[in-house]
Amino acid sequence: MLQKISRLFVIKTPLEAYLIIYALALGAVERGSAYLIKFPGFGGKLLFLACTCAVFMAGAKILDCLKHEQRLAEKSE
């Protein structure tokens, strides 16, 4: 039963990856806009940029890992 539940949290297709990246981006922009309000000026802009850059790095890693797992699956067949 635990294995069935854990399979729900595995990213299998690029569509799932893009949906997760989109959700991360929405959260990062929301957090970044809160930083802009709390820290007006250059500091807030830097924190906003840090939030969005983190999404770009995480999204690239998710897509790279997905491609790597697909290559391994093809190789093992």
Protein backbone atom coordinates (compact mmCIF):
# COMPACT_ATOMS: atom_id res chain seq x y z
CA MET A 1 0.00 0.00 0.00
CA LEU A 2 2.84 2.37 0.85
CA GLN A 3 4.44 1.65 -2.52
CA LYS A 4 1.23 2.63 -4.32
CA ILE A 5 1.11 5.91 -2.45
CA SER A 6 4.78 6.64 -3.10
CA ARG A 7 4.26 6.18 -6.87
CA LEU A 8 1.94 9.21 -6.81
CA PHE A 9 4.95 11.41 -6.04
CA VAL A 10 7.10 10.21 -8.95
CA ILE A 11 7.35 12.48 -11.98
CA LYS A 12 6.92 10.27 -15.05
CA THR A 13 6.16 12.56 -17.99
CA PRO A 14 7.35 15.97 -19.18
CA LEU A 15 3.82 17.32 -18.75
CA GLU A 16 3.91 16.48 -15.04
CA ALA A 17 7.32 18.13 -14.79
CA TYR A 18 6.10 21.31 -16.47
CA LEU A 19 3.05 21.46 -14.19
CA ILE A 20 5.27 21.15 -11.13
CA ILE A 21 7.64 23.82 -12.45
CA TYR A 22 4.67 26.09 -13.12
CA ALA A 23 3.43 25.63 -9.55
CA LEU A 24 6.92 26.36 -8.20
CA ALA A 25 7.08 29.50 -10.34
CA LEU A 26 3.73 30.74 -9.05
CA GLY A 27 4.89 30.29 -5.47
CA ALA A 28 8.22 31.96 -6.16
CA VAL A 29 6.60 35.00 -7.75
CA GLU A 30 4.18 35.27 -4.85
CA ARG A 31 7.05 35.07 -2.36
CA GLY A 32 9.09 37.51 -4.41
CA SER A 33 6.27 40.04 -4.53
CA ALA A 34 6.03 39.81 -0.73
CA TYR A 35 9.75 40.57 -0.58
CA LEU A 36 9.25 43.60 -2.82
CA ILE A 37 6.62 44.96 -0.44
CA LYS A 38 8.58 44.19 2.72
CA PHE A 39 11.97 45.32 1.38
CA PRO A 40 11.41 48.14 -1.11
CA GLY A 41 14.32 49.07 -3.32
CA PHE A 42 17.33 47.13 -4.48
CA GLY A 43 17.24 44.51 -1.68
CA GLY A 44 13.70 43.48 -2.50
CA LYS A 45 14.53 43.20 -6.18
CA LEU A 46 17.52 40.98 -5.39
CA LEU A 47 15.37 38.71 -3.23
CA PHE A 48 12.73 38.55 -5.98
CA LEU A 49 15.44 37.59 -8.46
CA ALA A 50 16.76 34.93 -6.10
CA CYS A 51 13.29 33.37 -5.82
CA THR A 52 12.81 33.18 -9.58
CA CYS A 53 16.36 31.93 -10.23
CA ALA A 54 15.79 29.09 -7.79
CA VAL A 55 12.81 27.98 -9.89
CA PHE A 56 14.89 28.03 -13.07
CA MET A 57 17.57 25.88 -11.45
CA ALA A 58 15.06 23.45 -9.95
CA GLY A 59 13.15 23.20 -13.23
CA ALA A 60 16.31 22.46 -15.19
CA LYS A 61 17.27 19.75 -12.69
CA ILE A 62 13.81 18.17 -12.83
CA LEU A 63 13.85 18.05 -16.64
CA ASP A 64 17.43 16.72 -16.76
CA CYS A 65 16.62 13.96 -14.28
CA LEU A 66 13.51 13.02 -16.22
CA LYS A 67 15.51 12.69 -19.46
CA HIS A 68 18.19 10.71 -17.65
CA GLU A 69 15.65 8.26 -16.21
CA GLN A 70 14.07 7.78 -19.65
CA ARG A 71 17.49 7.00 -21.16
CA LEU A 72 18.18 4.47 -18.42
CA ALA A 73 14.79 2.83 -18.99
CA GLU A 74 15.46 2.56 -22.74
CA LYS A 75 18.93 1.19 -22.13
CA SER A 76 17.70 -1.52 -19.76
CA GLU A 77 15.06 -2.79 -22.21
